[in-house]
Amino acid sequence: MPSFPTEFSGVTVLTKANVYFDGQVVSHTVRLADGAKKSLGLIRPGSYHFKTGVPERMEIVAGSCRVTLDGAPGTRECPAGQFFDVPGNSGFTVEVSAGLCEYICSFL
């Protein structure tokens, strides 16, 4: 099982939240010292579809979700401690059945 960071040091955090689906998905953008961009957020119960511009890695740090990548057969469970990758210029549907799903999204 991967080990995800519990904190990031020496970063810039944008104070304006990224709010999607009437507040059901909320994140904040984090810029690391090396220029890498991430977002830290949470997903409330429901089903949400996102489009990607660049490849992304979604690391689930708490809770769980089900994910369906655009064009891929089937849906996969993604509990805390797991991740999934999404190709650029693509999309995915994420479903949370109960509780909150917390994530780190890395823009690759």
N, C-alpha and C. Protein backbone atom coordinates (compact mmCIF):
# COMPACT_ATOMS: atom_id res chain seq x y z
N MET A 1 0.84 -1.18 0.00
CA MET A 1 0.00 0.00 0.00
C MET A 1 0.89 1.24 0.00
N PRO A 2 0.64 2.20 -0.91
CA PRO A 2 1.46 3.41 -0.96
C PRO A 2 1.32 4.24 0.31
N SER A 3 2.35 4.99 0.60
CA SER A 3 2.32 5.91 1.73
C SER A 3 2.26 7.34 1.19
N PHE A 4 1.18 8.03 1.48
CA PHE A 4 0.99 9.38 0.98
C PHE A 4 1.47 10.39 2.01
N PRO A 5 1.88 11.56 1.56
CA PRO A 5 2.34 12.58 2.51
C PRO A 5 1.22 13.02 3.45
N THR A 6 1.59 13.35 4.66
CA THR A 6 0.63 13.90 5.61
C THR A 6 0.73 15.42 5.69
N GLU A 7 1.80 15.96 5.10
CA GLU A 7 1.95 17.41 5.02
C GLU A 7 2.91 17.76 3.90
N PHE A 8 2.81 19.01 3.44
CA PHE A 8 3.72 19.55 2.45
C PHE A 8 4.37 20.79 3.06
N SER A 9 5.70 20.88 2.96
CA SER A 9 6.43 22.02 3.51
C SER A 9 6.87 22.94 2.37
N GLY A 10 7.02 24.23 2.68
CA GLY A 10 7.55 25.18 1.72
C GLY A 10 6.69 25.33 0.48
N VAL A 11 5.38 25.44 0.67
CA VAL A 11 4.45 25.53 -0.46
C VAL A 11 3.69 26.85 -0.45
N THR A 12 3.05 27.14 -1.58
CA THR A 12 2.11 28.24 -1.68
C THR A 12 0.73 27.64 -1.84
N VAL A 13 -0.21 28.10 -1.02
CA VAL A 13 -1.59 27.61 -1.10
C VAL A 13 -2.47 28.76 -1.57
N LEU A 14 -3.23 28.51 -2.63
CA LEU A 14 -4.17 29.52 -3.10
C LEU A 14 -5.38 29.52 -2.17
N THR A 15 -5.76 30.68 -1.69
CA THR A 15 -6.83 30.75 -0.70
C THR A 15 -8.23 30.59 -1.30
N LYS A 16 -8.38 30.89 -2.57
CA LYS A 16 -9.68 30.73 -3.23
C LYS A 16 -9.90 29.25 -3.52
N ALA A 17 -10.99 28.70 -3.00
CA ALA A 17 -11.30 27.29 -3.20
C ALA A 17 -11.76 27.02 -4.63
N ASN A 18 -11.51 25.81 -5.09
CA ASN A 18 -12.06 25.29 -6.33
C ASN A 18 -13.35 24.57 -5.93
N VAL A 19 -14.48 25.09 -6.31
CA VAL A 19 -15.77 24.54 -5.89
C VAL A 19 -16.50 23.98 -7.10
N TYR A 20 -16.87 22.71 -7.01
CA TYR A 20 -17.54 22.02 -8.10
C TYR A 20 -18.86 21.43 -7.60
N PHE A 21 -19.81 21.27 -8.53
CA PHE A 21 -21.07 20.60 -8.24
C PHE A 21 -21.75 21.18 -6.99
N ASP A 22 -21.94 22.51 -7.01
CA ASP A 22 -22.63 23.21 -5.92
C ASP A 22 -22.02 22.92 -4.55
N GLY A 23 -20.70 22.79 -4.50
CA GLY A 23 -20.01 22.60 -3.22
C GLY A 23 -19.87 21.16 -2.78
N GLN A 24 -20.26 20.22 -3.62
CA GLN A 24 -20.14 18.81 -3.25
C GLN A 24 -18.70 18.30 -3.38
N VAL A 25 -17.91 18.98 -4.21
CA VAL A 25 -16.48 18.68 -4.34
C VAL A 25 -15.75 20.01 -4.19
N VAL A 26 -14.81 20.07 -3.23
CA VAL A 26 -14.08 21.31 -2.95
C VAL A 26 -12.60 20.98 -2.78
N SER A 27 -11.75 21.82 -3.38
CA SER A 27 -10.31 21.62 -3.24
C SER A 27 -9.60 22.96 -3.17
N HIS A 28 -8.34 22.90 -2.77
CA HIS A 28 -7.46 24.07 -2.78
C HIS A 28 -6.20 23.71 -3.56
N THR A 29 -5.73 24.65 -4.36
CA THR A 29 -4.53 24.45 -5.16
C THR A 29 -3.30 24.71 -4.31
N VAL A 30 -2.31 23.83 -4.46
CA VAL A 30 -1.04 23.92 -3.75
C VAL A 30 0.07 23.93 -4.80
N ARG A 31 0.97 24.90 -4.69
CA ARG A 31 2.14 24.95 -5.58
C ARG A 31 3.39 24.65 -4.75
N LEU A 32 4.10 23.61 -5.16
CA LEU A 32 5.31 23.21 -4.46
C LEU A 32 6.49 24.06 -4.91
N ALA A 33 7.55 24.06 -4.12
CA ALA A 33 8.73 24.88 -4.40
C ALA A 33 9.35 24.54 -5.76
N ASP A 34 9.23 23.28 -6.19
CA ASP A 34 9.81 22.88 -7.48
C ASP A 34 8.90 23.20 -8.67
N GLY A 35 7.76 23.87 -8.41
CA GLY A 35 6.84 24.26 -9.47
C GLY A 35 5.70 23.28 -9.70
N ALA A 36 5.77 22.11 -9.07
CA ALA A 36 4.69 21.13 -9.22
C ALA A 36 3.38 21.69 -8.65
N LYS A 37 2.28 21.27 -9.25
CA LYS A 37 0.96 21.73 -8.82
C LYS A 37 0.14 20.54 -8.36
N LYS A 38 -0.53 20.71 -7.23
CA LYS A 38 -1.41 19.69 -6.67
C LYS A 38 -2.68 20.37 -6.20
N SER A 39 -3.70 19.58 -5.95
CA SER A 39 -4.86 20.11 -5.24
C SER A 39 -5.21 19.12 -4.14
N LEU A 40 -5.67 19.66 -3.03
CA LEU A 40 -6.08 18.86 -1.88
C LEU A 40 -7.57 19.11 -1.70
N GLY A 41 -8.35 18.04 -1.62
CA GLY A 41 -9.78 18.28 -1.54
C GLY A 41 -10.57 17.16 -0.94
N LEU A 42 -11.88 17.36 -0.96
CA LEU A 42 -12.81 16.36 -0.46
C LEU A 42 -14.01 16.27 -1.38
N ILE A 43 -14.58 15.06 -1.38
CA ILE A 43 -15.73 14.76 -2.21
C ILE A 43 -16.83 14.25 -1.30
N ARG A 44 -18.00 14.87 -1.36
CA ARG A 44 -19.16 14.42 -0.60
C ARG A 44 -19.87 13.31 -1.37
N PRO A 45 -20.75 12.57 -0.72
CA PRO A 45 -21.46 11.49 -1.41
C PRO A 45 -22.17 11.97 -2.68
N GLY A 46 -22.06 11.16 -3.72
CA GLY A 46 -22.68 11.46 -5.01
C GLY A 46 -21.81 10.93 -6.12
N SER A 47 -22.21 11.24 -7.35
CA SER A 47 -21.47 10.83 -8.54
C SER A 47 -21.13 12.08 -9.35
N TYR A 48 -19.87 12.22 -9.72
CA TYR A 48 -19.39 13.44 -10.37
C TYR A 48 -18.45 13.09 -11.53
N HIS A 49 -18.60 13.79 -12.64
CA HIS A 49 -17.73 13.56 -13.79
C HIS A 49 -16.81 14.76 -13.98
N PHE A 50 -15.52 14.47 -14.17
CA PHE A 50 -14.50 15.49 -14.38
C PHE A 50 -13.78 15.24 -15.70
N LYS A 51 -13.41 16.31 -16.36
CA LYS A 51 -12.56 16.26 -17.55
C LYS A 51 -11.14 16.61 -17.13
N THR A 52 -10.15 16.09 -17.85
CA THR A 52 -8.76 16.41 -17.57
C THR A 52 -8.12 17.10 -18.77
N GLY A 53 -7.22 18.02 -18.50
CA GLY A 53 -6.41 18.62 -19.55
C GLY A 53 -5.07 17.91 -19.61
N VAL A 54 -4.44 17.78 -18.46
CA VAL A 54 -3.16 17.09 -18.34
C VAL A 54 -3.38 15.79 -17.56
N PRO A 55 -2.44 14.85 -17.64
CA PRO A 55 -2.58 13.63 -16.84
C PRO A 55 -2.63 13.97 -15.35
N GLU A 56 -3.41 13.20 -14.61
CA GLU A 56 -3.57 13.41 -13.17
C GLU A 56 -3.42 12.10 -12.42
N ARG A 57 -2.93 12.20 -11.20
CA ARG A 57 -2.92 11.07 -10.26
C ARG A 57 -3.78 11.48 -9.07
N MET A 58 -4.78 10.69 -8.78
CA MET A 58 -5.66 10.92 -7.63
C MET A 58 -5.30 9.92 -6.53
N GLU A 59 -4.77 10.44 -5.43
CA GLU A 59 -4.40 9.62 -4.28
C GLU A 59 -5.49 9.78 -3.23
N ILE A 60 -6.09 8.69 -2.81
CA ILE A 60 -7.16 8.73 -1.83
C ILE A 60 -6.53 8.60 -0.44
N VAL A 61 -6.67 9.65 0.37
CA VAL A 61 -6.01 9.66 1.68
C VAL A 61 -6.97 9.33 2.81
N ALA A 62 -8.28 9.45 2.60
CA ALA A 62 -9.27 9.08 3.61
C ALA A 62 -10.59 8.79 2.90
N GLY A 63 -11.37 7.87 3.46
CA GLY A 63 -12.62 7.49 2.83
C GLY A 63 -12.36 6.56 1.66
N SER A 64 -13.31 6.50 0.76
CA SER A 64 -13.16 5.65 -0.42
C SER A 64 -14.07 6.15 -1.53
N CYS A 65 -13.81 5.67 -2.74
CA CYS A 65 -14.63 6.03 -3.89
C CYS A 65 -14.60 4.90 -4.90
N ARG A 66 -15.45 5.01 -5.89
CA ARG A 66 -15.42 4.14 -7.06
C ARG A 66 -15.11 5.05 -8.24
N VAL A 67 -14.30 4.57 -9.15
CA VAL A 67 -13.90 5.40 -10.28
C VAL A 67 -14.09 4.65 -11.59
N THR A 68 -14.56 5.39 -12.59
CA THR A 68 -14.69 4.87 -13.94
C THR A 68 -13.97 5.85 -14.87
N LEU A 69 -12.91 5.38 -15.52
CA LEU A 69 -12.18 6.22 -16.46
C LEU A 69 -12.94 6.25 -17.78
N ASP A 70 -13.00 7.41 -18.42
CA ASP A 70 -13.64 7.52 -19.72
C ASP A 70 -13.03 6.50 -20.68
N GLY A 71 -13.87 5.76 -21.36
CA GLY A 71 -13.40 4.81 -22.36
C GLY A 71 -12.88 3.49 -21.81
N ALA A 72 -12.83 3.34 -20.49
CA ALA A 72 -12.32 2.10 -19.90
C ALA A 72 -13.50 1.22 -19.47
N PRO A 73 -13.35 -0.07 -19.60
CA PRO A 73 -14.43 -0.96 -19.16
C PRO A 73 -14.45 -1.09 -17.64
N GLY A 74 -15.62 -1.05 -17.07
CA GLY A 74 -15.76 -1.32 -15.65
C GLY A 74 -15.43 -0.17 -14.73
N THR A 75 -15.77 -0.41 -13.49
CA THR A 75 -15.56 0.54 -12.40
C THR A 75 -14.67 -0.13 -11.38
N ARG A 76 -13.81 0.65 -10.74
CA ARG A 76 -12.94 0.05 -9.72
C ARG A 76 -13.09 0.77 -8.40
N GLU A 77 -12.97 0.02 -7.34
CA GLU A 77 -12.99 0.56 -5.98
C GLU A 77 -11.63 1.18 -5.69
N CYS A 78 -11.64 2.30 -4.99
CA CYS A 78 -10.39 2.96 -4.64
C CYS A 78 -10.48 3.43 -3.18
N PRO A 79 -10.09 2.57 -2.25
CA PRO A 79 -10.13 2.94 -0.83
C PRO A 79 -8.93 3.80 -0.44
N ALA A 80 -8.96 4.33 0.76
CA ALA A 80 -7.84 5.11 1.29
C ALA A 80 -6.55 4.30 1.17
N GLY A 81 -5.48 4.98 0.76
CA GLY A 81 -4.19 4.33 0.58
C GLY A 81 -3.94 3.89 -0.85
N GLN A 82 -4.92 4.05 -1.73
CA GLN A 82 -4.77 3.67 -3.13
C GLN A 82 -4.80 4.92 -4.00
N PHE A 83 -4.46 4.76 -5.26
CA PHE A 83 -4.52 5.88 -6.20
C PHE A 83 -5.00 5.38 -7.55
N PHE A 84 -5.39 6.32 -8.39
CA PHE A 84 -5.68 6.00 -9.78
C PHE A 84 -5.15 7.12 -10.65
N ASP A 85 -4.73 6.76 -11.87
CA ASP A 85 -4.20 7.71 -12.83
C ASP A 85 -5.23 7.95 -13.93
N VAL A 86 -5.31 9.20 -14.37
CA VAL A 86 -6.23 9.58 -15.44
C VAL A 86 -5.40 10.21 -16.56
N PRO A 87 -5.57 9.73 -17.79
CA PRO A 87 -4.82 10.32 -18.91
C PRO A 87 -5.23 11.78 -19.16
N GLY A 88 -4.34 12.52 -19.79
CA GLY A 88 -4.68 13.89 -20.19
C GLY A 88 -5.74 13.88 -21.28
N ASN A 89 -6.43 15.00 -21.41
CA ASN A 89 -7.50 15.15 -22.41
C ASN A 89 -8.47 13.99 -22.36
N SER A 90 -8.88 13.65 -21.16
CA SER A 90 -9.77 12.53 -20.93
C SER A 90 -10.76 12.94 -19.84
N GLY A 91 -11.19 11.98 -19.06
CA GLY A 91 -12.08 12.29 -17.96
C GLY A 91 -12.34 11.05 -17.12
N PHE A 92 -13.07 11.26 -16.04
CA PHE A 92 -13.42 10.16 -15.14
C PHE A 92 -14.66 10.52 -14.34
N THR A 93 -15.34 9.48 -13.90
CA THR A 93 -16.47 9.64 -12.99
C THR A 93 -16.05 9.06 -11.66
N VAL A 94 -16.27 9.84 -10.61
CA VAL A 94 -15.96 9.38 -9.26
C VAL A 94 -17.26 9.34 -8.47
N GLU A 95 -17.46 8.24 -7.74
CA GLU A 95 -18.65 8.06 -6.94
C GLU A 95 -18.26 7.81 -5.48
N VAL A 96 -18.92 8.52 -4.58
CA VAL A 96 -18.73 8.31 -3.15
C VAL A 96 -20.08 7.91 -2.60
N SER A 97 -20.14 6.76 -1.94
CA SER A 97 -21.43 6.27 -1.46
C SER A 97 -21.78 6.78 -0.06
N ALA A 98 -20.79 7.04 0.78
CA ALA A 98 -21.07 7.51 2.13
C ALA A 98 -19.83 8.22 2.69
N GLY A 99 -20.05 9.13 3.62
CA GLY A 99 -18.95 9.83 4.25
C GLY A 99 -18.26 10.77 3.29
N LEU A 100 -17.03 11.11 3.61
CA LEU A 100 -16.22 11.99 2.77
C LEU A 100 -15.06 11.20 2.19
N CYS A 101 -14.68 11.55 0.98
CA CYS A 101 -13.49 11.00 0.35
C CYS A 101 -12.51 12.16 0.24
N GLU A 102 -11.34 12.03 0.86
CA GLU A 102 -10.31 13.07 0.81
C GLU A 102 -9.21 12.63 -0.14
N TYR A 103 -8.68 13.60 -0.91
CA TYR A 103 -7.72 13.22 -1.93
C TYR A 103 -6.63 14.27 -2.10
N ILE A 104 -5.54 13.80 -2.73
CA ILE A 104 -4.48 14.66 -3.26
C ILE A 104 -4.48 14.40 -4.76
N CYS A 105 -4.64 15.45 -5.54
CA CYS A 105 -4.57 15.33 -7.00
C CYS A 105 -3.26 15.95 -7.45
N SER A 106 -2.44 15.15 -8.12
CA SER A 106 -1.17 15.64 -8.69
C SER A 106 -1.35 15.80 -10.19
N PHE A 107 -0.94 16.95 -10.70
CA PHE A 107 -1.00 17.22 -12.12
C PHE A 107 0.36 16.84 -12.70
N LEU A 108 0.36 15.80 -13.52
CA LEU A 108 1.62 15.18 -13.96
C LEU A 108 2.19 15.81 -15.22
